[in-house]
Amino acid sequence: MSYDYQYVTLRLVPRVEREEFINVGVVLYSQEAEFLQGAHELHEDRARALAPDLDLEAVRAALEAVCRVAAGEHSPTTPRLDRLGPRFGWLSAPRSTIVQPGPIHGGTTQDPAGTLQHLVRILVS
């Protein structure tokens, strides 16, 4: 069976005013497959090239928080969103933080988890 999906690329934007970024992750959502998951890969050398004094641990924490929200976990700093669609909407909404979602793109897949890993490989690695 083939499933429609949407995804956003997660961007590391160390200095918002410069509008420079590197891709650091992907969040993939498929309503039909009941799938919402994030994956990330932080390349320290690329990040340091953009911002030598960047707090890499804070970036990792932000990326892990995105993945936890995608998985349905909540904390005092994130909303409690039980359904996948609203959760993806929250994760894909523009924000002015150091980790920002890019535009929403879509496609079809027979394997959402495999497609997520493929997107991370081609967009982030």
PDB file of N, CA and C in Angstrom:
ATOM      1  N   MET A   1       0.830  -1.181   0.000  1.00  0.00           N
ATOM      2  CA  MET A   1       0.000   0.000   0.000  1.00  0.00           C
ATOM      3  C   MET A   1       0.871   1.240   0.000  1.00  0.00           C
ATOM      4  N   SER A   2       0.433   2.243  -0.699  1.00  0.00           N
ATOM      5  CA  SER A   2       1.164   3.502  -0.795  1.00  0.00           C
ATOM      6  C   SER A   2       0.481   4.561   0.073  1.00  0.00           C
ATOM      7  N   TYR A   3       1.288   5.351   0.787  1.00  0.00           N
ATOM      8  CA  TYR A   3       0.783   6.376   1.701  1.00  0.00           C
ATOM      9  C   TYR A   3       1.258   7.756   1.259  1.00  0.00           C
ATOM     10  N   ASP A   4       0.368   8.730   1.330  1.00  0.00           N
ATOM     11  CA  ASP A   4       0.781  10.120   1.149  1.00  0.00           C
ATOM     12  C   ASP A   4       1.505  10.566   2.412  1.00  0.00           C
ATOM     13  N   TYR A   5       2.472  11.462   2.242  1.00  0.00           N
ATOM     14  CA  TYR A   5       3.162  12.009   3.412  1.00  0.00           C
ATOM     15  C   TYR A   5       3.537  13.447   3.161  1.00  0.00           C
ATOM     16  N   GLN A   6       3.833  14.140   4.254  1.00  0.00           N
ATOM     17  CA  GLN A   6       4.372  15.496   4.232  1.00  0.00           C
ATOM     18  C   GLN A   6       5.618  15.489   5.106  1.00  0.00           C
ATOM     19  N   TYR A   7       6.546  16.371   4.774  1.00  0.00           N
ATOM     20  CA  TYR A   7       7.726  16.481   5.629  1.00  0.00           C
ATOM     21  C   TYR A   7       8.246  17.899   5.639  1.00  0.00           C
ATOM     22  N   VAL A   8       8.976  18.221   6.680  1.00  0.00           N
ATOM     23  CA  VAL A   8       9.722  19.474   6.760  1.00  0.00           C
ATOM     24  C   VAL A   8      11.162  19.125   7.069  1.00  0.00           C
ATOM     25  N   THR A   9      12.057  19.903   6.510  1.00  0.00           N
ATOM     26  CA  THR A   9      13.469  19.803   6.853  1.00  0.00           C
ATOM     27  C   THR A   9      13.714  20.726   8.037  1.00  0.00           C
ATOM     28  N   LEU A  10      14.431  20.257   9.026  1.00  0.00           N
ATOM     29  CA  LEU A  10      14.805  21.087  10.173  1.00  0.00           C
ATOM     30  C   LEU A  10      16.111  21.793   9.845  1.00  0.00           C
ATOM     31  N   ARG A  11      16.112  23.086  10.075  1.00  0.00           N
ATOM     32  CA  ARG A  11      17.273  23.914   9.733  1.00  0.00           C
ATOM     33  C   ARG A  11      17.898  24.507  10.987  1.00  0.00           C
ATOM     34  N   LEU A  12      19.210  24.471  11.021  1.00  0.00           N
ATOM     35  CA  LEU A  12      19.958  25.163  12.068  1.00  0.00           C
ATOM     36  C   LEU A  12      20.243  26.564  11.557  1.00  0.00           C
ATOM     37  N   VAL A  13      19.714  27.550  12.265  1.00  0.00           N
ATOM     38  CA  VAL A  13      19.862  28.953  11.875  1.00  0.00           C
ATOM     39  C   VAL A  13      20.521  29.682  13.051  1.00  0.00           C
ATOM     40  N   PRO A  14      21.864  29.679  13.107  1.00  0.00           N
ATOM     41  CA  PRO A  14      22.547  30.251  14.276  1.00  0.00           C
ATOM     42  C   PRO A  14      22.335  31.750  14.435  1.00  0.00           C
ATOM     43  N   ARG A  15      22.263  32.474  13.318  1.00  0.00           N
ATOM     44  CA  ARG A  15      22.055  33.927  13.374  1.00  0.00           C
ATOM     45  C   ARG A  15      20.912  34.257  12.414  1.00  0.00           C
ATOM     46  N   VAL A  16      19.729  34.390  12.973  1.00  0.00           N
ATOM     47  CA  VAL A  16      18.515  34.579  12.182  1.00  0.00           C
ATOM     48  C   VAL A  16      18.654  35.753  11.222  1.00  0.00           C
ATOM     49  N   GLU A  17      19.295  36.824  11.656  1.00  0.00           N
ATOM     50  CA  GLU A  17      19.411  38.024  10.816  1.00  0.00           C
ATOM     51  C   GLU A  17      20.240  37.785   9.553  1.00  0.00           C
ATOM     52  N   ARG A  18      21.107  36.790   9.547  1.00  0.00           N
ATOM     53  CA  ARG A  18      21.925  36.503   8.360  1.00  0.00           C
ATOM     54  C   ARG A  18      21.234  35.565   7.378  1.00  0.00           C
ATOM     55  N   GLU A  19      20.177  34.900   7.838  1.00  0.00           N
ATOM     56  CA  GLU A  19      19.403  33.980   7.007  1.00  0.00           C
ATOM     57  C   GLU A  19      20.243  32.844   6.417  1.00  0.00           C
ATOM     58  N   GLU A  20      21.295  32.452   7.120  1.00  0.00           N
ATOM     59  CA  GLU A  20      22.113  31.311   6.716  1.00  0.00           C
ATOM     60  C   GLU A  20      21.682  30.106   7.540  1.00  0.00           C
ATOM     61  N   PHE A  21      21.683  28.940   6.913  1.00  0.00           N
ATOM     62  CA  PHE A  21      21.278  27.744   7.643  1.00  0.00           C
ATOM     63  C   PHE A  21      21.934  26.516   7.046  1.00  0.00           C
ATOM     64  N   ILE A  22      21.925  25.445   7.854  1.00  0.00           N
ATOM     65  CA  ILE A  22      22.277  24.114   7.365  1.00  0.00           C
ATOM     66  C   ILE A  22      21.149  23.177   7.785  1.00  0.00           C
ATOM     67  N   ASN A  23      20.907  22.170   6.980  1.00  0.00           N
ATOM     68  CA  ASN A  23      19.892  21.181   7.311  1.00  0.00           C
ATOM     69  C   ASN A  23      20.427  20.237   8.379  1.00  0.00           C
ATOM     70  N   VAL A  24      19.594  19.999   9.399  1.00  0.00           N
ATOM     71  CA  VAL A  24      20.032  19.149  10.503  1.00  0.00           C
ATOM     72  C   VAL A  24      19.040  18.039  10.838  1.00  0.00           C
ATOM     73  N   GLY A  25      17.903  17.998  10.172  1.00  0.00           N
ATOM     74  CA  GLY A  25      16.933  16.956  10.477  1.00  0.00           C
ATOM     75  C   GLY A  25      15.721  17.012   9.570  1.00  0.00           C
ATOM     76  N   VAL A  26      14.830  16.052   9.775  1.00  0.00           N
ATOM     77  CA  VAL A  26      13.592  15.939   8.999  1.00  0.00           C
ATOM     78  C   VAL A  26      12.498  15.439   9.933  1.00  0.00           C
ATOM     79  N   VAL A  27      11.291  15.970   9.742  1.00  0.00           N
ATOM     80  CA  VAL A  27      10.102  15.447  10.409  1.00  0.00           C
ATOM     81  C   VAL A  27       9.157  14.993   9.306  1.00  0.00           C
ATOM     82  N   LEU A  28       8.718  13.741   9.374  1.00  0.00           N
ATOM     83  CA  LEU A  28       7.841  13.172   8.351  1.00  0.00           C
ATOM     84  C   LEU A  28       6.521  12.759   8.983  1.00  0.00           C
ATOM     85  N   TYR A  29       5.422  13.121   8.303  1.00  0.00           N
ATOM     86  CA  TYR A  29       4.073  12.841   8.793  1.00  0.00           C
ATOM     87  C   TYR A  29       3.247  12.197   7.692  1.00  0.00           C
ATOM     88  N   SER A  30       2.580  11.105   8.016  1.00  0.00           N
ATOM     89  CA  SER A  30       1.613  10.470   7.120  1.00  0.00           C
ATOM     90  C   SER A  30       0.355  10.155   7.919  1.00  0.00           C
ATOM     91  N   GLN A  31      -0.712  10.854   7.596  1.00  0.00           N
ATOM     92  CA  GLN A  31      -1.978  10.612   8.277  1.00  0.00           C
ATOM     93  C   GLN A  31      -2.472   9.198   7.991  1.00  0.00           C
ATOM     94  N   GLU A  32      -2.398   8.791   6.719  1.00  0.00           N
ATOM     95  CA  GLU A  32      -2.890   7.468   6.321  1.00  0.00           C
ATOM     96  C   GLU A  32      -2.153   6.337   7.034  1.00  0.00           C
ATOM     97  N   ALA A  33      -0.855   6.499   7.214  1.00  0.00           N
ATOM     98  CA  ALA A  33      -0.043   5.465   7.865  1.00  0.00           C
ATOM     99  C   ALA A  33       0.018   5.646   9.386  1.00  0.00           C
ATOM    100  N   GLU A  34      -0.621   6.707   9.882  1.00  0.00           N
ATOM    101  CA  GLU A  34      -0.559   7.032  11.309  1.00  0.00           C
ATOM    102  C   GLU A  34       0.893   7.081  11.784  1.00  0.00           C
ATOM    103  N   PHE A  35       1.673   7.892  11.072  1.00  0.00           N
ATOM    104  CA  PHE A  35       3.122   7.966  11.303  1.00  0.00           C
ATOM    105  C   PHE A  35       3.532   9.424  11.475  1.00  0.00           C
ATOM    106  N   LEU A  36       4.262   9.712  12.520  1.00  0.00           N
ATOM    107  CA  LEU A  36       4.892  11.015  12.728  1.00  0.00           C
ATOM    108  C   LEU A  36       6.184  10.764  13.478  1.00  0.00           C
ATOM    109  N   GLN A  37       7.286  11.122  12.845  1.00  0.00           N
ATOM    110  CA  GLN A  37       8.587  10.871  13.467  1.00  0.00           C
ATOM    111  C   GLN A  37       9.592  11.900  12.969  1.00  0.00           C
ATOM    112  N   GLY A  38      10.538  12.218  13.816  1.00  0.00           N
ATOM    113  CA  GLY A  38      11.641  13.092  13.454  1.00  0.00           C
ATOM    114  C   GLY A  38      12.956  12.347  13.566  1.00  0.00           C
ATOM    115  N   ALA A  39      13.918  12.789  12.766  1.00  0.00           N
ATOM    116  CA  ALA A  39      15.278  12.244  12.837  1.00  0.00           C
ATOM    117  C   ALA A  39      16.240  13.389  12.558  1.00  0.00           C
ATOM    118  N   HIS A  40      17.399  13.329  13.149  1.00  0.00           N
ATOM    119  CA  HIS A  40      18.357  14.430  12.964  1.00  0.00           C
ATOM    120  C   HIS A  40      19.785  13.913  12.947  1.00  0.00           C
ATOM    121  N   GLU A  41      20.643  14.765  12.427  1.00  0.00           N
ATOM    122  CA  GLU A  41      22.076  14.485  12.360  1.00  0.00           C
ATOM    123  C   GLU A  41      22.784  15.835  12.398  1.00  0.00           C
ATOM    124  N   LEU A  42      23.518  16.107  13.447  1.00  0.00           N
ATOM    125  CA  LEU A  42      24.206  17.383  13.591  1.00  0.00           C
ATOM    126  C   LEU A  42      25.674  17.217  13.223  1.00  0.00           C
ATOM    127  N   HIS A  43      26.094  17.884  12.161  1.00  0.00           N
ATOM    128  CA  HIS A  43      27.495  17.868  11.738  1.00  0.00           C
ATOM    129  C   HIS A  43      28.186  19.068  12.379  1.00  0.00           C
ATOM    130  N   GLU A  44      28.993  18.784  13.373  1.00  0.00           N
ATOM    131  CA  GLU A  44      29.617  19.844  14.160  1.00  0.00           C
ATOM    132  C   GLU A  44      30.476  20.772  13.328  1.00  0.00           C
ATOM    133  N   ASP A  45      31.241  20.224  12.370  1.00  0.00           N
ATOM    134  CA  ASP A  45      32.121  21.086  11.567  1.00  0.00           C
ATOM    135  C   ASP A  45      31.314  22.072  10.728  1.00  0.00           C
ATOM    136  N   ARG A  46      30.204  21.647  10.155  1.00  0.00           N
ATOM    137  CA  ARG A  46      29.351  22.563   9.381  1.00  0.00           C
ATOM    138  C   ARG A  46      28.745  23.632  10.288  1.00  0.00           C
ATOM    139  N   ALA A  47      28.274  23.198  11.460  1.00  0.00           N
ATOM    140  CA  ALA A  47      27.667  24.139  12.398  1.00  0.00           C
ATOM    141  C   ALA A  47      28.682  25.177  12.855  1.00  0.00           C
ATOM    142  N   ARG A  48      29.889  24.722  13.170  1.00  0.00           N
ATOM    143  CA  ARG A  48      30.944  25.650  13.620  1.00  0.00           C
ATOM    144  C   ARG A  48      31.382  26.604  12.503  1.00  0.00           C
ATOM    145  N   ALA A  49      31.276  26.165  11.255  1.00  0.00           N
ATOM    146  CA  ALA A  49      31.616  27.062  10.137  1.00  0.00           C
ATOM    147  C   ALA A  49      30.662  28.252  10.083  1.00  0.00           C
ATOM    148  N   LEU A  50      29.410  28.028  10.435  1.00  0.00           N
ATOM    149  CA  LEU A  50      28.434  29.122  10.458  1.00  0.00           C
ATOM    150  C   LEU A  50      28.551  29.973  11.712  1.00  0.00           C
ATOM    151  N   ALA A  51      28.843  29.326  12.826  1.00  0.00           N
ATOM    152  CA  ALA A  51      28.869  30.036  14.110  1.00  0.00           C
ATOM    153  C   ALA A  51      29.876  29.354  15.031  1.00  0.00           C
ATOM    154  N   PRO A  52      31.117  29.841  15.051  1.00  0.00           N
ATOM    155  CA  PRO A  52      32.165  29.193  15.848  1.00  0.00           C
ATOM    156  C   PRO A  52      31.850  29.057  17.331  1.00  0.00           C
ATOM    157  N   ASP A  53      31.063  29.970  17.881  1.00  0.00           N
ATOM    158  CA  ASP A  53      30.770  29.929  19.321  1.00  0.00           C
ATOM    159  C   ASP A  53      29.413  29.286  19.622  1.00  0.00           C
ATOM    160  N   LEU A  54      28.868  28.547  18.696  1.00  0.00           N
ATOM    161  CA  LEU A  54      27.560  27.917  18.834  1.00  0.00           C
ATOM    162  C   LEU A  54      27.550  26.898  19.969  1.00  0.00           C
ATOM    163  N   ASP A  55      26.489  26.909  20.761  1.00  0.00           N
ATOM    164  CA  ASP A  55      26.298  25.943  21.845  1.00  0.00           C
ATOM    165  C   ASP A  55      25.693  24.670  21.235  1.00  0.00           C
ATOM    166  N   LEU A  56      26.560  23.720  20.881  1.00  0.00           N
ATOM    167  CA  LEU A  56      26.108  22.499  20.214  1.00  0.00           C
ATOM    168  C   LEU A  56      25.194  21.652  21.093  1.00  0.00           C
ATOM    169  N   GLU A  57      25.402  21.683  22.393  1.00  0.00           N
ATOM    170  CA  GLU A  57      24.527  20.925  23.294  1.00  0.00           C
ATOM    171  C   GLU A  57      23.109  21.493  23.279  1.00  0.00           C
ATOM    172  N   ALA A  58      22.981  22.803  23.182  1.00  0.00           N
ATOM    173  CA  ALA A  58      21.650  23.421  23.099  1.00  0.00           C
ATOM    174  C   ALA A  58      20.968  23.043  21.784  1.00  0.00           C
ATOM    175  N   VAL A  59      21.736  22.961  20.713  1.00  0.00           N
ATOM    176  CA  VAL A  59      21.182  22.553  19.419  1.00  0.00           C
ATOM    177  C   VAL A  59      20.712  21.104  19.499  1.00  0.00           C
ATOM    178  N   ARG A  60      21.546  20.238  20.058  1.00  0.00           N
ATOM    179  CA  ARG A  60      21.152  18.829  20.217  1.00  0.00           C
ATOM    180  C   ARG A  60      19.880  18.709  21.060  1.00  0.00           C
ATOM    181  N   ALA A  61      19.804  19.491  22.119  1.00  0.00           N
ATOM    182  CA  ALA A  61      18.622  19.455  22.985  1.00  0.00           C
ATOM    183  C   ALA A  61      17.379  19.898  22.221  1.00  0.00           C
ATOM    184  N   ALA A  62      17.499  20.914  21.386  1.00  0.00           N
ATOM    185  CA  ALA A  62      16.365  21.382  20.585  1.00  0.00           C
ATOM    186  C   ALA A  62      15.931  20.317  19.586  1.00  0.00           C
ATOM    187  N   LEU A  63      16.895  19.649  18.962  1.00  0.00           N
ATOM    188  CA  LEU A  63      16.561  18.589  18.003  1.00  0.00           C
ATOM    189  C   LEU A  63      15.907  17.401  18.705  1.00  0.00           C
ATOM    190  N   GLU A  64      16.404  17.035  19.863  1.00  0.00           N
ATOM    191  CA  GLU A  64      15.799  15.945  20.626  1.00  0.00           C
ATOM    192  C   GLU A  64      14.386  16.312  21.070  1.00  0.00           C
ATOM    193  N   ALA A  65      14.169  17.575  21.415  1.00  0.00           N
ATOM    194  CA  ALA A  65      12.832  18.022  21.815  1.00  0.00           C
ATOM    195  C   ALA A  65      11.848  17.881  20.658  1.00  0.00           C
ATOM    196  N   VAL A  66      12.278  18.211  19.451  1.00  0.00           N
ATOM    197  CA  VAL A  66      11.418  18.035  18.274  1.00  0.00           C
ATOM    198  C   VAL A  66      11.042  16.568  18.120  1.00  0.00           C
ATOM    199  N   CYS A  67      12.012  15.689  18.248  1.00  0.00           N
ATOM    200  CA  CYS A  67      11.744  14.251  18.105  1.00  0.00           C
ATOM    201  C   CYS A  67      10.822  13.739  19.201  1.00  0.00           C
ATOM    202  N   ARG A  68      10.975  14.261  20.415  1.00  0.00           N
ATOM    203  CA  ARG A  68      10.094  13.843  21.507  1.00  0.00           C
ATOM    204  C   ARG A  68       8.662  14.307  21.269  1.00  0.00           C
ATOM    205  N   VAL A  69       8.484  15.541  20.791  1.00  0.00           N
ATOM    206  CA  VAL A  69       7.140  16.030  20.481  1.00  0.00           C
ATOM    207  C   VAL A  69       6.531  15.183  19.369  1.00  0.00           C
ATOM    208  N   ALA A  70       7.309  14.886  18.333  1.00  0.00           N
ATOM    209  CA  ALA A  70       6.806  14.042  17.243  1.00  0.00           C
ATOM    210  C   ALA A  70       6.351  12.686  17.782  1.00  0.00           C
ATOM    211  N   ALA A  71       7.053  12.160  18.762  1.00  0.00           N
ATOM    212  CA  ALA A  71       6.723  10.865  19.343  1.00  0.00           C
ATOM    213  C   ALA A  71       5.555  10.926  20.323  1.00  0.00           C
ATOM    214  N   GLY A  72       5.078  12.137  20.605  1.00  0.00           N
ATOM    215  CA  GLY A  72       3.920  12.265  21.488  1.00  0.00           C
ATOM    216  C   GLY A  72       4.252  12.579  22.924  1.00  0.00           C
ATOM    217  N   GLU A  73       5.528  12.759  23.234  1.00  0.00           N
ATOM    218  CA  GLU A  73       5.902  13.136  24.592  1.00  0.00           C
ATOM    219  C   GLU A  73       5.624  14.626  24.765  1.00  0.00           C
ATOM    220  N   HIS A  74       5.339  15.027  25.972  1.00  0.00           N
ATOM    221  CA  HIS A  74       5.138  16.449  26.232  1.00  0.00           C
ATOM    222  C   HIS A  74       5.902  16.842  27.486  1.00  0.00           C
ATOM    223  N   SER A  75       6.114  18.142  27.598  1.00  0.00           N
ATOM    224  CA  SER A  75       6.847  18.681  28.740  1.00  0.00           C
ATOM    225  C   SER A  75       6.194  20.014  29.117  1.00  0.00           C
ATOM    226  N   PRO A  76       6.668  20.628  30.170  1.00  0.00           N
ATOM    227  CA  PRO A  76       6.097  21.930  30.550  1.00  0.00           C
ATOM    228  C   PRO A  76       6.297  23.014  29.477  1.00  0.00           C
ATOM    229  N   THR A  77       7.263  22.830  28.578  1.00  0.00           N
ATOM    230  CA  THR A  77       7.532  23.856  27.558  1.00  0.00           C
ATOM    231  C   THR A  77       6.921  23.534  26.197  1.00  0.00           C
ATOM    232  N   THR A  78       6.239  22.408  26.081  1.00  0.00           N
ATOM    233  CA  THR A  78       5.610  22.046  24.808  1.00  0.00           C
ATOM    234  C   THR A  78       4.133  21.754  25.040  1.00  0.00           C
ATOM    235  N   PRO A  79       3.313  21.983  24.019  1.00  0.00           N
ATOM    236  CA  PRO A  79       1.880  21.724  24.195  1.00  0.00           C
ATOM    237  C   PRO A  79       1.584  20.229  24.222  1.00  0.00           C
ATOM    238  N   ARG A  80       0.493  19.890  24.850  1.00  0.00           N
ATOM    239  CA  ARG A  80       0.041  18.492  24.845  1.00  0.00           C
ATOM    240  C   ARG A  80      -0.852  18.325  23.625  1.00  0.00           C
ATOM    241  N   LEU A  81      -0.358  17.628  22.631  1.00  0.00           N
ATOM    242  CA  LEU A  81      -1.085  17.402  21.382  1.00  0.00           C
ATOM    243  C   LEU A  81      -1.181  15.901  21.166  1.00  0.00           C
ATOM    244  N   ASP A  82      -2.369  15.362  21.368  1.00  0.00           N
ATOM    245  CA  ASP A  82      -2.532  13.918  21.303  1.00  0.00           C
ATOM    246  C   ASP A  82      -2.657  13.382  19.879  1.00  0.00           C
ATOM    247  N   ARG A  83      -3.186  14.176  18.973  1.00  0.00           N
ATOM    248  CA  ARG A  83      -3.373  13.699  17.596  1.00  0.00           C
ATOM    249  C   ARG A  83      -2.175  14.098  16.727  1.00  0.00           C
ATOM    250  N   LEU A  84      -1.869  13.252  15.756  1.00  0.00           N
ATOM    251  CA  LEU A  84      -0.685  13.454  14.912  1.00  0.00           C
ATOM    252  C   LEU A  84      -0.769  14.730  14.075  1.00  0.00           C
ATOM    253  N   GLY A  85      -1.912  14.994  13.456  1.00  0.00           N
ATOM    254  CA  GLY A  85      -2.044  16.161  12.588  1.00  0.00           C
ATOM    255  C   GLY A  85      -1.724  17.472  13.290  1.00  0.00           C
ATOM    256  N   PRO A  86      -2.368  17.760  14.435  1.00  0.00           N
ATOM    257  CA  PRO A  86      -2.022  18.986  15.161  1.00  0.00           C
ATOM    258  C   PRO A  86      -0.565  19.021  15.628  1.00  0.00           C
ATOM    259  N   ARG A  87      -0.026  17.843  15.979  1.00  0.00           N
ATOM    260  CA  ARG A  87       1.388  17.790  16.386  1.00  0.00           C
ATOM    261  C   ARG A  87       2.297  18.185  15.233  1.00  0.00           C
ATOM    262  N   PHE A  88       2.022  17.636  14.019  1.00  0.00           N
ATOM    263  CA  PHE A  88       2.827  18.007  12.863  1.00  0.00           C
ATOM    264  C   PHE A  88       2.649  19.496  12.552  1.00  0.00           C
ATOM    265  N   GLY A  89       1.426  19.988  12.691  1.00  0.00           N
ATOM    266  CA  GLY A  89       1.183  21.420  12.476  1.00  0.00           C
ATOM    267  C   GLY A  89       2.019  22.278  13.405  1.00  0.00           C
ATOM    268  N   TRP A  90       2.117  21.880  14.668  1.00  0.00           N
ATOM    269  CA  TRP A  90       2.917  22.638  15.631  1.00  0.00           C
ATOM    270  C   TRP A  90       4.401  22.552  15.276  1.00  0.00           C
ATOM    271  N   LEU A  91       4.858  21.351  14.901  1.00  0.00           N
ATOM    272  CA  LEU A  91       6.275  21.171  14.569  1.00  0.00           C
ATOM    273  C   LEU A  91       6.667  21.893  13.290  1.00  0.00           C
ATOM    274  N   SER A  92       5.739  22.028  12.351  1.00  0.00           N
ATOM    275  CA  SER A  92       6.063  22.635  11.063  1.00  0.00           C
ATOM    276  C   SER A  92       5.783  24.135  11.018  1.00  0.00           C
ATOM    277  N   ALA A  93       5.253  24.698  12.098  1.00  0.00           N
ATOM    278  CA  ALA A  93       4.950  26.132  12.133  1.00  0.00           C
ATOM    279  C   ALA A  93       6.242  26.943  12.196  1.00  0.00           C
ATOM    280  N   PRO A  94       6.297  28.043  11.446  1.00  0.00           N
ATOM    281  CA  PRO A  94       7.500  28.889  11.474  1.00  0.00           C
ATOM    282  C   PRO A  94       7.752  29.426  12.875  1.00  0.00           C
ATOM    283  N   ARG A  95       9.018  29.511  13.232  1.00  0.00           N
ATOM    284  CA  ARG A  95       9.399  30.100  14.510  1.00  0.00           C
ATOM    285  C   ARG A  95      10.786  30.716  14.366  1.00  0.00           C
ATOM    286  N   SER A  96      11.118  31.624  15.268  1.00  0.00           N
ATOM    287  CA  SER A  96      12.406  32.309  15.205  1.00  0.00           C
ATOM    288  C   SER A  96      13.361  31.756  16.237  1.00  0.00           C
ATOM    289  N   THR A  97      13.545  30.484  16.238  1.00  0.00           N
ATOM    290  CA  THR A  97      14.494  29.879  17.160  1.00  0.00           C
ATOM    291  C   THR A  97      15.690  29.371  16.358  1.00  0.00           C
ATOM    292  N   ILE A  98      16.644  28.815  17.025  1.00  0.00           N
ATOM    293  CA  ILE A  98      17.863  28.357  16.361  1.00  0.00           C
ATOM    294  C   ILE A  98      17.604  27.144  15.460  1.00  0.00           C
ATOM    295  N   VAL A  99      16.604  26.324  15.794  1.00  0.00           N
ATOM    296  CA  VAL A  99      16.188  25.210  14.931  1.00  0.00           C
ATOM    297  C   VAL A  99      14.809  25.555  14.376  1.00  0.00           C
ATOM    298  N   GLN A 100      14.746  25.691  13.050  1.00  0.00           N
ATOM    299  CA  GLN A 100      13.517  26.116  12.386  1.00  0.00           C
ATOM    300  C   GLN A 100      13.083  25.095  11.339  1.00  0.00           C
ATOM    301  N   PRO A 101      11.769  24.917  11.173  1.00  0.00           N
ATOM    302  CA  PRO A 101      11.296  24.058  10.087  1.00  0.00           C
ATOM    303  C   PRO A 101      11.322  24.809   8.766  1.00  0.00           C
ATOM    304  N   GLY A 102      11.658  24.108   7.698  1.00  0.00           N
ATOM    305  CA  GLY A 102      11.576  24.679   6.368  1.00  0.00           C
ATOM    306  C   GLY A 102      10.161  24.520   5.842  1.00  0.00           C
ATOM    307  N   PRO A 103       9.957  24.773   4.549  1.00  0.00           N
ATOM    308  CA  PRO A 103       8.634  24.611   3.962  1.00  0.00           C
ATOM    309  C   PRO A 103       8.187  23.154   3.954  1.00  0.00           C
ATOM    310  N   ILE A 104       6.884  22.959   3.907  1.00  0.00           N
ATOM    311  CA  ILE A 104       6.316  21.613   3.855  1.00  0.00           C
ATOM    312  C   ILE A 104       6.372  21.094   2.425  1.00  0.00           C
ATOM    313  N   HIS A 105       6.850  19.863   2.290  1.00  0.00           N
ATOM    314  CA  HIS A 105       6.892  19.157   1.006  1.00  0.00           C
ATOM    315  C   HIS A 105       6.138  17.844   1.168  1.00  0.00           C
ATOM    316  N   GLY A 106       5.851  17.168   0.077  1.00  0.00           N
ATOM    317  CA  GLY A 106       5.100  15.930   0.184  1.00  0.00           C
ATOM    318  C   GLY A 106       5.496  14.907  -0.852  1.00  0.00           C
ATOM    319  N   GLY A 107       4.906  13.740  -0.719  1.00  0.00           N
ATOM    320  CA  GLY A 107       5.159  12.652  -1.646  1.00  0.00           C
ATOM    321  C   GLY A 107       4.335  11.443  -1.269  1.00  0.00           C
ATOM    322  N   THR A 108       4.682  10.311  -1.844  1.00  0.00           N
ATOM    323  CA  THR A 108       4.041   9.042  -1.497  1.00  0.00           C
ATOM    324  C   THR A 108       5.125   8.021  -1.197  1.00  0.00           C
ATOM    325  N   THR A 109       4.776   7.079  -0.333  1.00  0.00           N
ATOM    326  CA  THR A 109       5.737   6.061   0.075  1.00  0.00           C
ATOM    327  C   THR A 109       5.008   4.798   0.510  1.00  0.00           C
ATOM    328  N   GLN A 110       5.693   3.694   0.429  1.00  0.00           N
ATOM    329  CA  GLN A 110       5.182   2.448   0.992  1.00  0.00           C
ATOM    330  C   GLN A 110       5.773   2.200   2.376  1.00  0.00           C
ATOM    331  N   ASP A 111       6.812   2.973   2.720  1.00  0.00           N
ATOM    332  CA  ASP A 111       7.537   2.766   3.972  1.00  0.00           C
ATOM    333  C   ASP A 111       7.911   4.128   4.577  1.00  0.00           C
ATOM    334  N   PRO A 112       7.024   4.725   5.395  1.00  0.00           N
ATOM    335  CA  PRO A 112       7.329   6.044   5.958  1.00  0.00           C
ATOM    336  C   PRO A 112       8.646   6.103   6.734  1.00  0.00           C
ATOM    337  N   ALA A 113       8.940   5.101   7.545  1.00  0.00           N
ATOM    338  CA  ALA A 113      10.189   5.119   8.324  1.00  0.00           C
ATOM    339  C   ALA A 113      11.403   5.063   7.406  1.00  0.00           C
ATOM    340  N   GLY A 114      11.344   4.236   6.378  1.00  0.00           N
ATOM    341  CA  GLY A 114      12.443   4.162   5.414  1.00  0.00           C
ATOM    342  C   GLY A 114      12.594   5.451   4.633  1.00  0.00           C
ATOM    343  N   THR A 115      11.476   6.083   4.293  1.00  0.00           N
ATOM    344  CA  THR A 115      11.521   7.356   3.569  1.00  0.00           C
ATOM    345  C   THR A 115      12.117   8.443   4.440  1.00  0.00           C
ATOM    346  N   LEU A 116      11.778   8.443   5.736  1.00  0.00           N
ATOM    347  CA  LEU A 116      12.374   9.408   6.655  1.00  0.00           C
ATOM    348  C   LEU A 116      13.893   9.261   6.654  1.00  0.00           C
ATOM    349  N   GLN A 117      14.389   8.047   6.776  1.00  0.00           N
ATOM    350  CA  GLN A 117      15.841   7.833   6.785  1.00  0.00           C
ATOM    351  C   GLN A 117      16.471   8.233   5.448  1.00  0.00           C
ATOM    352  N   HIS A 118      15.777   7.953   4.354  1.00  0.00           N
ATOM    353  CA  HIS A 118      16.261   8.355   3.030  1.00  0.00           C
ATOM    354  C   HIS A 118      16.355   9.884   2.934  1.00  0.00           C
ATOM    355  N   LEU A 119      15.331  10.579   3.408  1.00  0.00           N
ATOM    356  CA  LEU A 119      15.349  12.044   3.362  1.00  0.00           C
ATOM    357  C   LEU A 119      16.476  12.618   4.212  1.00  0.00           C
ATOM    358  N   VAL A 120      16.701  12.027   5.373  1.00  0.00           N
ATOM    359  CA  VAL A 120      17.825  12.493   6.210  1.00  0.00           C
ATOM    360  C   VAL A 120      19.137  12.287   5.461  1.00  0.00           C
ATOM    361  N   ARG A 121      19.279  11.147   4.822  1.00  0.00           N
ATOM    362  CA  ARG A 121      20.507  10.852   4.066  1.00  0.00           C
ATOM    363  C   ARG A 121      20.731  11.863   2.948  1.00  0.00           C
ATOM    364  N   ILE A 122      19.685  12.180   2.173  1.00  0.00           N
ATOM    365  CA  ILE A 122      19.898  13.055   1.010  1.00  0.00           C
ATOM    366  C   ILE A 122      19.828  14.542   1.336  1.00  0.00           C
ATOM    367  N   LEU A 123      19.162  14.913   2.430  1.00  0.00           N
ATOM    368  CA  LEU A 123      19.000  16.335   2.753  1.00  0.00           C
ATOM    369  C   LEU A 123      19.937  16.814   3.847  1.00  0.00           C
ATOM    370  N   VAL A 124      20.394  15.913   4.695  1.00  0.00           N
ATOM    371  CA  VAL A 124      21.175  16.324   5.868  1.00  0.00           C
ATOM    372  C   VAL A 124      22.621  15.811   5.812  1.00  0.00           C
ATOM    373  N   SER A 125      22.808  14.566   5.474  1.00  0.00           N
ATOM    374  CA  SER A 125      24.140  13.947   5.533  1.00  0.00           C
ATOM    375  C   SER A 125      25.133  14.566   4.565  1.00  0.00           C
TER     376      SER A 125
END
